[in-house]
């Protein structure tokens, strides 16, 4: 899967621009549980990304806030079993593209 992005990001306290191509590839030996990545691009200010824990009790363990145009790439791990997105965003996974927060 390949998609083109133009995103603003903060790096070492500064603001810059990146324009390029994101290629998402899976390895046939990847675990079905761990290793998958998702890319979230905020379509409005204040998009919230919430990482949720794995195990007997699902709990919130990490929160990120994105402004319009910012991109976050997240990986599922032994600790992270789910990601919740609040607000208008475009989410890319190996299964396809999803838009959240549409009226």
PDB file of N, CA and C in Angstrom:
ATOM      1  N   UNK A   1       0.859  -1.162   0.000  1.00  0.00           N
ATOM      2  CA  UNK A   1       0.000   0.000   0.000  1.00  0.00           C
ATOM      3  C   UNK A   1       0.905   1.224   0.000  1.00  0.00           C
ATOM      4  N   UNK A   2       0.473   2.243  -0.721  1.00  0.00           N
ATOM      5  CA  UNK A   2       1.290   3.439  -0.805  1.00  0.00           C
ATOM      6  C   UNK A   2       0.368   4.654  -0.840  1.00  0.00           C
ATOM      7  N   UNK A   3       0.706   5.662  -0.089  1.00  0.00           N
ATOM      8  CA  UNK A   3      -0.100   6.885  -0.101  1.00  0.00           C
ATOM      9  C   UNK A   3       0.811   8.097   0.049  1.00  0.00           C
ATOM     10  N   UNK A   4       0.400   9.225  -0.494  1.00  0.00           N
ATOM     11  CA  UNK A   4       1.209  10.442  -0.406  1.00  0.00           C
ATOM     12  C   UNK A   4       0.705  11.302   0.735  1.00  0.00           C
ATOM     13  N   UNK A   5       1.629  11.864   1.499  1.00  0.00           N
ATOM     14  CA  UNK A   5       1.306  12.698   2.659  1.00  0.00           C
ATOM     15  C   UNK A   5       2.001  14.039   2.539  1.00  0.00           C
ATOM     16  N   UNK A   6       1.371  15.056   3.048  1.00  0.00           N
ATOM     17  CA  UNK A   6       2.042  16.327   3.291  1.00  0.00           C
ATOM     18  C   UNK A   6       1.696  16.689   4.720  1.00  0.00           C
ATOM     19  N   UNK A   7       2.663  16.661   5.602  1.00  0.00           N
ATOM     20  CA  UNK A   7       2.367  16.806   7.032  1.00  0.00           C
ATOM     21  C   UNK A   7       3.298  17.809   7.684  1.00  0.00           C
ATOM     22  N   UNK A   8       2.781  18.504   8.682  1.00  0.00           N
ATOM     23  CA  UNK A   8       3.597  19.355   9.542  1.00  0.00           C
ATOM     24  C   UNK A   8       3.931  18.567  10.776  1.00  0.00           C
ATOM     25  N   UNK A   9       5.133  18.750  11.274  1.00  0.00           N
ATOM     26  CA  UNK A   9       5.518  18.009  12.477  1.00  0.00           C
ATOM     27  C   UNK A   9       6.418  18.876  13.326  1.00  0.00           C
ATOM     28  N   UNK A  10       6.465  18.562  14.597  1.00  0.00           N
ATOM     29  CA  UNK A  10       7.378  19.227  15.524  1.00  0.00           C
ATOM     30  C   UNK A  10       8.578  18.329  15.733  1.00  0.00           C
ATOM     31  N   UNK A  11       9.750  18.878  15.585  1.00  0.00           N
ATOM     32  CA  UNK A  11      10.970  18.104  15.798  1.00  0.00           C
ATOM     33  C   UNK A  11      11.942  18.984  16.556  1.00  0.00           C
ATOM     34  N   UNK A  12      12.343  18.540  17.736  1.00  0.00           N
ATOM     35  CA  UNK A  12      13.267  19.298  18.575  1.00  0.00           C
ATOM     36  C   UNK A  12      12.777  20.728  18.809  1.00  0.00           C
ATOM     37  N   UNK A  13      11.469  20.871  19.003  1.00  0.00           N
ATOM     38  CA  UNK A  13      10.921  22.176  19.319  1.00  0.00           C
ATOM     39  C   UNK A  13      10.615  23.045  18.118  1.00  0.00           C
ATOM     40  N   UNK A  14      10.990  22.608  16.910  1.00  0.00           N
ATOM     41  CA  UNK A  14      10.735  23.411  15.727  1.00  0.00           C
ATOM     42  C   UNK A  14       9.572  22.863  14.926  1.00  0.00           C
ATOM     43  N   UNK A  15       9.172  23.614  13.934  1.00  0.00           N
ATOM     44  CA  UNK A  15       8.104  23.169  13.050  1.00  0.00           C
ATOM     45  C   UNK A  15       8.686  23.070  11.659  1.00  0.00           C
ATOM     46  N   UNK A  16       8.383  21.988  10.963  1.00  0.00           N
ATOM     47  CA  UNK A  16       8.904  21.796   9.626  1.00  0.00           C
ATOM     48  C   UNK A  16       7.853  21.174   8.742  1.00  0.00           C
ATOM     49  N   UNK A  17       8.230  20.869   7.533  1.00  0.00           N
ATOM     50  CA  UNK A  17       7.299  20.271   6.587  1.00  0.00           C
ATOM     51  C   UNK A  17       7.932  19.034   5.982  1.00  0.00           C
ATOM     52  N   UNK A  18       7.118  18.013   5.764  1.00  0.00           N
ATOM     53  CA  UNK A  18       7.583  16.800   5.106  1.00  0.00           C
ATOM     54  C   UNK A  18       6.591  16.453   4.020  1.00  0.00           C
ATOM     55  N   UNK A  19       7.077  16.241   2.838  1.00  0.00           N
ATOM     56  CA  UNK A  19       6.210  15.814   1.749  1.00  0.00           C
ATOM     57  C   UNK A  19       6.846  14.572   1.158  1.00  0.00           C
ATOM     58  N   UNK A  20       6.114  13.481   1.136  1.00  0.00           N
ATOM     59  CA  UNK A  20       6.716  12.267   0.625  1.00  0.00           C
ATOM     60  C   UNK A  20       5.708  11.152   0.486  1.00  0.00           C
ATOM     61  N   UNK A  21       6.230   9.942   0.456  1.00  0.00           N
ATOM     62  CA  UNK A  21       5.411   8.755   0.256  1.00  0.00           C
ATOM     63  C   UNK A  21       5.595   7.832   1.439  1.00  0.00           C
ATOM     64  N   UNK A  22       4.487   7.335   1.981  1.00  0.00           N
ATOM     65  CA  UNK A  22       4.520   6.367   3.076  1.00  0.00           C
ATOM     66  C   UNK A  22       4.245   4.999   2.483  1.00  0.00           C
ATOM     67  N   UNK A  23       5.160   4.075   2.679  1.00  0.00           N
ATOM     68  CA  UNK A  23       4.964   2.704   2.218  1.00  0.00           C
ATOM     69  C   UNK A  23       4.812   1.815   3.435  1.00  0.00           C
ATOM     70  N   UNK A  24       3.733   1.065   3.488  1.00  0.00           N
ATOM     71  CA  UNK A  24       3.483   0.162   4.602  1.00  0.00           C
ATOM     72  C   UNK A  24       3.618  -1.254   4.082  1.00  0.00           C
ATOM     73  N   UNK A  25       4.565  -2.000   4.643  1.00  0.00           N
ATOM     74  CA  UNK A  25       4.789  -3.372   4.218  1.00  0.00           C
ATOM     75  C   UNK A  25       4.752  -4.278   5.421  1.00  0.00           C
ATOM     76  N   UNK A  26       4.166  -5.434   5.249  1.00  0.00           N
ATOM     77  CA  UNK A  26       4.141  -6.418   6.322  1.00  0.00           C
ATOM     78  C   UNK A  26       5.108  -7.544   6.024  1.00  0.00           C
ATOM     79  N   UNK A  27       5.592  -8.178   7.039  1.00  0.00           N
ATOM     80  CA  UNK A  27       6.461  -9.333   6.921  1.00  0.00           C
ATOM     81  C   UNK A  27       5.608 -10.566   7.144  1.00  0.00           C
ATOM     82  N   UNK A  28       5.776 -11.579   6.310  1.00  0.00           N
ATOM     83  CA  UNK A  28       4.971 -12.792   6.451  1.00  0.00           C
ATOM     84  C   UNK A  28       5.154 -13.439   7.811  1.00  0.00           C
ATOM     85  N   UNK A  29       6.268 -13.169   8.487  1.00  0.00           N
ATOM     86  CA  UNK A  29       6.538 -13.770   9.786  1.00  0.00           C
ATOM     87  C   UNK A  29       6.046 -12.917  10.947  1.00  0.00           C
ATOM     88  N   UNK A  30       5.432 -11.754  10.657  1.00  0.00           N
ATOM     89  CA  UNK A  30       4.918 -10.897  11.734  1.00  0.00           C
ATOM     90  C   UNK A  30       3.846 -11.629  12.519  1.00  0.00           C
ATOM     91  N   UNK A  31       3.838 -11.396  13.817  1.00  0.00           N
ATOM     92  CA  UNK A  31       2.778 -11.938  14.662  1.00  0.00           C
ATOM     93  C   UNK A  31       1.469 -11.259  14.293  1.00  0.00           C
ATOM     94  N   UNK A  32       0.382 -11.993  14.372  1.00  0.00           N
ATOM     95  CA  UNK A  32      -0.930 -11.414  14.095  1.00  0.00           C
ATOM     96  C   UNK A  32      -1.316 -10.405  15.166  1.00  0.00           C
ATOM     97  N   UNK A  33      -0.696 -10.487  16.330  1.00  0.00           N
ATOM     98  CA  UNK A  33      -1.050  -9.628  17.450  1.00  0.00           C
ATOM     99  C   UNK A  33      -0.183  -8.383  17.501  1.00  0.00           C
ATOM    100  N   UNK A  34       1.102  -8.509  17.264  1.00  0.00           N
ATOM    101  CA  UNK A  34       2.037  -7.387  17.415  1.00  0.00           C
ATOM    102  C   UNK A  34       2.640  -7.002  16.074  1.00  0.00           C
ATOM    103  N   UNK A  35       3.092  -5.787  16.009  1.00  0.00           N
ATOM    104  CA  UNK A  35       3.877  -5.361  14.870  1.00  0.00           C
ATOM    105  C   UNK A  35       3.143  -4.521  13.854  1.00  0.00           C
ATOM    106  N   UNK A  36       1.822  -4.605  13.761  1.00  0.00           N
ATOM    107  CA  UNK A  36       1.098  -3.793  12.790  1.00  0.00           C
ATOM    108  C   UNK A  36       1.224  -2.315  13.134  1.00  0.00           C
ATOM    109  N   UNK A  37       1.264  -1.493  12.091  1.00  0.00           N
ATOM    110  CA  UNK A  37       1.331  -0.050  12.247  1.00  0.00           C
ATOM    111  C   UNK A  37       0.040   0.570  11.742  1.00  0.00           C
ATOM    112  N   UNK A  38      -0.299   1.728  12.284  1.00  0.00           N
ATOM    113  CA  UNK A  38      -1.344   2.563  11.711  1.00  0.00           C
ATOM    114  C   UNK A  38      -0.788   3.972  11.586  1.00  0.00           C
ATOM    115  N   UNK A  39      -1.270   4.697  10.601  1.00  0.00           N
ATOM    116  CA  UNK A  39      -0.918   6.107  10.442  1.00  0.00           C
ATOM    117  C   UNK A  39      -2.202   6.909  10.609  1.00  0.00           C
ATOM    118  N   UNK A  40      -2.145   7.950  11.437  1.00  0.00           N
ATOM    119  CA  UNK A  40      -3.306   8.801  11.694  1.00  0.00           C
ATOM    120  C   UNK A  40      -2.946  10.221  11.283  1.00  0.00           C
ATOM    121  N   UNK A  41      -3.746  10.800  10.375  1.00  0.00           N
ATOM    122  CA  UNK A  41      -3.536  12.184   9.945  1.00  0.00           C
ATOM    123  C   UNK A  41      -4.735  13.002  10.403  1.00  0.00           C
ATOM    124  N   UNK A  42      -4.485  14.018  11.212  1.00  0.00           N
ATOM    125  CA  UNK A  42      -5.557  14.866  11.739  1.00  0.00           C
ATOM    126  C   UNK A  42      -6.114  15.756  10.634  1.00  0.00           C
ATOM    127  N   UNK A  43      -7.437  15.796  10.532  1.00  0.00           N
ATOM    128  CA  UNK A  43      -8.109  16.656   9.565  1.00  0.00           C
ATOM    129  C   UNK A  43      -8.633  17.933  10.214  1.00  0.00           C
ATOM    130  N   UNK A  44      -8.501  18.027  11.541  1.00  0.00           N
ATOM    131  CA  UNK A  44      -8.898  19.212  12.295  1.00  0.00           C
ATOM    132  C   UNK A  44      -8.011  19.318  13.523  1.00  0.00           C
ATOM    133  N   UNK A  45      -8.017  20.460  14.165  1.00  0.00           N
ATOM    134  CA  UNK A  45      -7.265  20.635  15.408  1.00  0.00           C
ATOM    135  C   UNK A  45      -7.923  19.842  16.526  1.00  0.00           C
ATOM    136  N   UNK A  46      -7.108  19.320  17.438  1.00  0.00           N
ATOM    137  CA  UNK A  46      -7.630  18.663  18.629  1.00  0.00           C
ATOM    138  C   UNK A  46      -7.994  17.205  18.484  1.00  0.00           C
ATOM    139  N   UNK A  47      -7.481  16.527  17.469  1.00  0.00           N
ATOM    140  CA  UNK A  47      -7.735  15.085  17.337  1.00  0.00           C
ATOM    141  C   UNK A  47      -6.978  14.367  18.449  1.00  0.00           C
ATOM    142  N   UNK A  48      -7.637  13.428  19.113  1.00  0.00           N
ATOM    143  CA  UNK A  48      -7.036  12.684  20.214  1.00  0.00           C
ATOM    144  C   UNK A  48      -6.842  11.234  19.807  1.00  0.00           C
ATOM    145  N   UNK A  49      -5.640  10.712  20.070  1.00  0.00           N
ATOM    146  CA  UNK A  49      -5.327   9.304  19.831  1.00  0.00           C
ATOM    147  C   UNK A  49      -5.046   8.679  21.185  1.00  0.00           C
ATOM    148  N   UNK A  50      -5.754   7.597  21.486  1.00  0.00           N
ATOM    149  CA  UNK A  50      -5.647   6.955  22.796  1.00  0.00           C
ATOM    150  C   UNK A  50      -5.179   5.521  22.609  1.00  0.00           C
ATOM    151  N   UNK A  51      -4.049   5.163  23.247  1.00  0.00           N
ATOM    152  CA  UNK A  51      -3.561   3.785  23.240  1.00  0.00           C
ATOM    153  C   UNK A  51      -4.174   3.021  24.392  1.00  0.00           C
ATOM    154  N   UNK A  52      -4.632   1.802  24.122  1.00  0.00           N
ATOM    155  CA  UNK A  52      -5.289   0.993  25.148  1.00  0.00           C
ATOM    156  C   UNK A  52      -4.495  -0.283  25.401  1.00  0.00           C
ATOM    157  N   UNK A  53      -4.481  -0.711  26.659  1.00  0.00           N
ATOM    158  CA  UNK A  53      -3.647  -1.841  27.074  1.00  0.00           C
ATOM    159  C   UNK A  53      -4.252  -3.181  26.677  1.00  0.00           C
ATOM    160  N   UNK A  54      -3.403  -4.172  26.697  1.00  0.00           N
ATOM    161  CA  UNK A  54      -3.781  -5.554  26.437  1.00  0.00           C
ATOM    162  C   UNK A  54      -3.913  -6.262  27.780  1.00  0.00           C
ATOM    163  N   UNK A  55      -4.691  -7.305  27.852  1.00  0.00           N
ATOM    164  CA  UNK A  55      -4.762  -8.085  29.083  1.00  0.00           C
ATOM    165  C   UNK A  55      -6.171  -8.250  29.597  1.00  0.00           C
ATOM    166  N   UNK A  56      -6.248  -8.695  30.832  1.00  0.00           N
ATOM    167  CA  UNK A  56      -7.549  -8.976  31.450  1.00  0.00           C
ATOM    168  C   UNK A  56      -8.432  -7.733  31.486  1.00  0.00           C
ATOM    169  N   UNK A  57      -7.861  -6.600  31.893  1.00  0.00           N
ATOM    170  CA  UNK A  57      -8.604  -5.337  31.943  1.00  0.00           C
ATOM    171  C   UNK A  57      -8.021  -4.374  30.921  1.00  0.00           C
ATOM    172  N   UNK A  58      -8.854  -3.906  29.994  1.00  0.00           N
ATOM    173  CA  UNK A  58      -8.404  -2.921  29.012  1.00  0.00           C
ATOM    174  C   UNK A  58      -8.450  -1.541  29.655  1.00  0.00           C
ATOM    175  N   UNK A  59      -7.300  -0.846  29.612  1.00  0.00           N
ATOM    176  CA  UNK A  59      -7.197   0.492  30.217  1.00  0.00           C
ATOM    177  C   UNK A  59      -6.486   1.429  29.248  1.00  0.00           C
ATOM    178  N   UNK A  60      -6.684   2.711  29.469  1.00  0.00           N
ATOM    179  CA  UNK A  60      -5.961   3.715  28.689  1.00  0.00           C
ATOM    180  C   UNK A  60      -4.542   3.809  29.218  1.00  0.00           C
ATOM    181  N   UNK A  61      -3.553   3.826  28.321  1.00  0.00           N
ATOM    182  CA  UNK A  61      -2.178   3.962  28.811  1.00  0.00           C
ATOM    183  C   UNK A  61      -1.412   5.106  28.174  1.00  0.00           C
ATOM    184  N   UNK A  62      -1.922   5.692  27.085  1.00  0.00           N
ATOM    185  CA  UNK A  62      -1.192   6.787  26.455  1.00  0.00           C
ATOM    186  C   UNK A  62      -2.170   7.628  25.640  1.00  0.00           C
ATOM    187  N   UNK A  63      -1.971   8.945  25.648  1.00  0.00           N
ATOM    188  CA  UNK A  63      -2.822   9.852  24.886  1.00  0.00           C
ATOM    189  C   UNK A  63      -1.954  10.840  24.120  1.00  0.00           C
ATOM    190  N   UNK A  64      -2.314  11.103  22.885  1.00  0.00           N
ATOM    191  CA  UNK A  64      -1.640  12.107  22.054  1.00  0.00           C
ATOM    192  C   UNK A  64      -2.697  13.026  21.463  1.00  0.00           C
ATOM    193  N   UNK A  65      -2.342  14.291  21.275  1.00  0.00           N
ATOM    194  CA  UNK A  65      -3.238  15.264  20.654  1.00  0.00           C
ATOM    195  C   UNK A  65      -2.566  15.771  19.384  1.00  0.00           C
ATOM    196  N   UNK A  66      -3.314  15.787  18.284  1.00  0.00           N
ATOM    197  CA  UNK A  66      -2.793  16.254  17.002  1.00  0.00           C
ATOM    198  C   UNK A  66      -3.600  17.450  16.521  1.00  0.00           C
ATOM    199  N   UNK A  67      -2.925  18.360  15.821  1.00  0.00           N
ATOM    200  CA  UNK A  67      -3.601  19.464  15.160  1.00  0.00           C
ATOM    201  C   UNK A  67      -3.695  19.155  13.674  1.00  0.00           C
ATOM    202  N   UNK A  68      -4.514  19.899  12.968  1.00  0.00           N
ATOM    203  CA  UNK A  68      -4.776  19.651  11.551  1.00  0.00           C
ATOM    204  C   UNK A  68      -3.474  19.489  10.770  1.00  0.00           C
ATOM    205  N   UNK A  69      -3.400  18.429   9.988  1.00  0.00           N
ATOM    206  CA  UNK A  69      -2.230  18.171   9.157  1.00  0.00           C
ATOM    207  C   UNK A  69      -1.137  17.367   9.823  1.00  0.00           C
ATOM    208  N   UNK A  70      -1.161  17.239  11.144  1.00  0.00           N
ATOM    209  CA  UNK A  70      -0.136  16.454  11.828  1.00  0.00           C
ATOM    210  C   UNK A  70      -0.407  14.967  11.641  1.00  0.00           C
ATOM    211  N   UNK A  71       0.667  14.190  11.626  1.00  0.00           N
ATOM    212  CA  UNK A  71       0.581  12.744  11.412  1.00  0.00           C
ATOM    213  C   UNK A  71       1.270  12.024  12.552  1.00  0.00           C
ATOM    214  N   UNK A  72       0.658  10.944  13.007  1.00  0.00           N
ATOM    215  CA  UNK A  72       1.289  10.069  13.999  1.00  0.00           C
ATOM    216  C   UNK A  72       1.253   8.653  13.451  1.00  0.00           C
ATOM    217  N   UNK A  73       2.375   7.956  13.584  1.00  0.00           N
ATOM    218  CA  UNK A  73       2.449   6.550  13.199  1.00  0.00           C
ATOM    219  C   UNK A  73       2.611   5.753  14.479  1.00  0.00           C
ATOM    220  N   UNK A  74       1.720   4.790  14.693  1.00  0.00           N
ATOM    221  CA  UNK A  74       1.714   4.003  15.931  1.00  0.00           C
ATOM    222  C   UNK A  74       1.827   2.521  15.598  1.00  0.00           C
ATOM    223  N   UNK A  75       2.426   1.777  16.528  1.00  0.00           N
ATOM    224  CA  UNK A  75       2.604   0.337  16.352  1.00  0.00           C
ATOM    225  C   UNK A  75       1.905  -0.409  17.486  1.00  0.00           C
ATOM    226  N   UNK A  76       1.237  -1.497  17.140  1.00  0.00           N
ATOM    227  CA  UNK A  76       0.656  -2.371  18.156  1.00  0.00           C
ATOM    228  C   UNK A  76       1.781  -3.206  18.757  1.00  0.00           C
ATOM    229  N   UNK A  77       1.767  -3.368  20.082  1.00  0.00           N
ATOM    230  CA  UNK A  77       2.844  -4.050  20.800  1.00  0.00           C
ATOM    231  C   UNK A  77       2.258  -5.036  21.795  1.00  0.00           C
ATOM    232  N   UNK A  78       3.136  -5.623  22.594  1.00  0.00           N
ATOM    233  CA  UNK A  78       2.678  -6.497  23.674  1.00  0.00           C
ATOM    234  C   UNK A  78       1.801  -5.730  24.654  1.00  0.00           C
ATOM    235  N   UNK A  79       2.025  -4.418  24.770  1.00  0.00           N
ATOM    236  CA  UNK A  79       1.282  -3.593  25.721  1.00  0.00           C
ATOM    237  C   UNK A  79       0.067  -2.900  25.092  1.00  0.00           C
ATOM    238  N   UNK A  80       0.150  -2.562  23.809  1.00  0.00           N
ATOM    239  CA  UNK A  80      -0.923  -1.824  23.141  1.00  0.00           C
ATOM    240  C   UNK A  80      -1.748  -2.762  22.271  1.00  0.00           C
ATOM    241  N   UNK A  81      -3.035  -2.920  22.626  1.00  0.00           N
ATOM    242  CA  UNK A  81      -3.889  -3.833  21.868  1.00  0.00           C
ATOM    243  C   UNK A  81      -4.914  -3.107  21.009  1.00  0.00           C
ATOM    244  N   UNK A  82      -5.166  -1.833  21.312  1.00  0.00           N
ATOM    245  CA  UNK A  82      -6.167  -1.077  20.561  1.00  0.00           C
ATOM    246  C   UNK A  82      -5.817   0.402  20.578  1.00  0.00           C
ATOM    247  N   UNK A  83      -6.300   1.111  19.569  1.00  0.00           N
ATOM    248  CA  UNK A  83      -6.112   2.552  19.488  1.00  0.00           C
ATOM    249  C   UNK A  83      -7.471   3.176  19.208  1.00  0.00           C
ATOM    250  N   UNK A  84      -7.813   4.197  19.983  1.00  0.00           N
ATOM    251  CA  UNK A  84      -9.071   4.914  19.812  1.00  0.00           C
ATOM    252  C   UNK A  84      -8.753   6.298  19.274  1.00  0.00           C
ATOM    253  N   UNK A  85      -9.482   6.739  18.252  1.00  0.00           N
ATOM    254  CA  UNK A  85      -9.261   8.050  17.646  1.00  0.00           C
ATOM    255  C   UNK A  85     -10.530   8.874  17.819  1.00  0.00           C
ATOM    256  N   UNK A  86     -10.385  10.072  18.394  1.00  0.00           N
ATOM    257  CA  UNK A  86     -11.504  11.006  18.561  1.00  0.00           C
ATOM    258  C   UNK A  86     -11.257  12.217  17.681  1.00  0.00           C
ATOM    259  N   UNK A  87     -12.257  12.610  16.914  1.00  0.00           N
ATOM    260  CA  UNK A  87     -12.136  13.770  16.043  1.00  0.00           C
ATOM    261  C   UNK A  87     -12.031  13.352  14.592  1.00  0.00           C
ATOM    262  N   UNK A  88     -11.959  14.358  13.710  1.00  0.00           N
ATOM    263  CA  UNK A  88     -11.874  14.101  12.270  1.00  0.00           C
ATOM    264  C   UNK A  88     -10.439  13.757  11.906  1.00  0.00           C
ATOM    265  N   UNK A  89     -10.259  12.524  11.424  1.00  0.00           N
ATOM    266  CA  UNK A  89      -8.921  12.057  11.064  1.00  0.00           C
ATOM    267  C   UNK A  89      -9.010  11.024   9.956  1.00  0.00           C
ATOM    268  N   UNK A  90      -7.905  10.874   9.250  1.00  0.00           N
ATOM    269  CA  UNK A  90      -7.769   9.812   8.261  1.00  0.00           C
ATOM    270  C   UNK A  90      -6.817   8.784   8.851  1.00  0.00           C
ATOM    271  N   UNK A  91      -7.223   7.522   8.855  1.00  0.00           N
ATOM    272  CA  UNK A  91      -6.448   6.451   9.470  1.00  0.00           C
ATOM    273  C   UNK A  91      -6.103   5.441   8.389  1.00  0.00           C
ATOM    274  N   UNK A  92      -4.809   5.143   8.235  1.00  0.00           N
ATOM    275  CA  UNK A  92      -4.371   4.139   7.277  1.00  0.00           C
ATOM    276  C   UNK A  92      -3.892   2.906   8.011  1.00  0.00           C
ATOM    277  N   UNK A  93      -4.380   1.752   7.593  1.00  0.00           N
ATOM    278  CA  UNK A  93      -3.942   0.468   8.131  1.00  0.00           C
ATOM    279  C   UNK A  93      -3.640  -0.438   6.949  1.00  0.00           C
ATOM    280  N   UNK A  94      -3.129  -1.617   7.216  1.00  0.00           N
ATOM    281  CA  UNK A  94      -2.889  -2.545   6.114  1.00  0.00           C
ATOM    282  C   UNK A  94      -4.206  -3.061   5.538  1.00  0.00           C
ATOM    283  N   UNK A  95      -5.295  -2.822   6.256  1.00  0.00           N
ATOM    284  CA  UNK A  95      -6.611  -3.255   5.798  1.00  0.00           C
ATOM    285  C   UNK A  95      -7.312  -2.189   4.961  1.00  0.00           C
ATOM    286  N   UNK A  96      -6.777  -0.978   4.940  1.00  0.00           N
ATOM    287  CA  UNK A  96      -7.377   0.083   4.146  1.00  0.00           C
ATOM    288  C   UNK A  96      -7.365   1.425   4.844  1.00  0.00           C
ATOM    289  N   UNK A  97      -8.161   2.340   4.303  1.00  0.00           N
ATOM    290  CA  UNK A  97      -8.229   3.723   4.780  1.00  0.00           C
ATOM    291  C   UNK A  97      -9.585   3.952   5.438  1.00  0.00           C
ATOM    292  N   UNK A  98      -9.574   4.623   6.596  1.00  0.00           N
ATOM    293  CA  UNK A  98     -10.792   4.912   7.350  1.00  0.00           C
ATOM    294  C   UNK A  98     -10.791   6.400   7.681  1.00  0.00           C
ATOM    295  N   UNK A  99     -11.956   7.038   7.627  1.00  0.00           N
ATOM    296  CA  UNK A  99     -12.090   8.429   8.065  1.00  0.00           C
ATOM    297  C   UNK A  99     -12.980   8.444   9.290  1.00  0.00           C
ATOM    298  N   UNK A 100     -12.508   9.078  10.348  1.00  0.00           N
ATOM    299  CA  UNK A 100     -13.285   9.156  11.589  1.00  0.00           C
ATOM    300  C   UNK A 100     -13.872  10.549  11.755  1.00  0.00           C
ATOM    301  N   UNK A 101     -14.904  10.642  12.598  1.00  0.00           N
ATOM    302  CA  UNK A 101     -15.482  11.928  12.959  1.00  0.00           C
ATOM    303  C   UNK A 101     -16.317  12.580  11.892  1.00  0.00           C
ATOM    304  N   UNK A 102     -16.767  11.809  10.906  1.00  0.00           N
ATOM    305  CA  UNK A 102     -17.601  12.388   9.857  1.00  0.00           C
ATOM    306  C   UNK A 102     -19.032  12.491  10.340  1.00  0.00           C
ATOM    307  N   UNK A 103     -19.691  13.593   9.983  1.00  0.00           N
ATOM    308  CA  UNK A 103     -21.095  13.790  10.390  1.00  0.00           C
ATOM    309  C   UNK A 103     -22.026  13.066   9.461  1.00  0.00           C
TER     310      UNK A 103
END
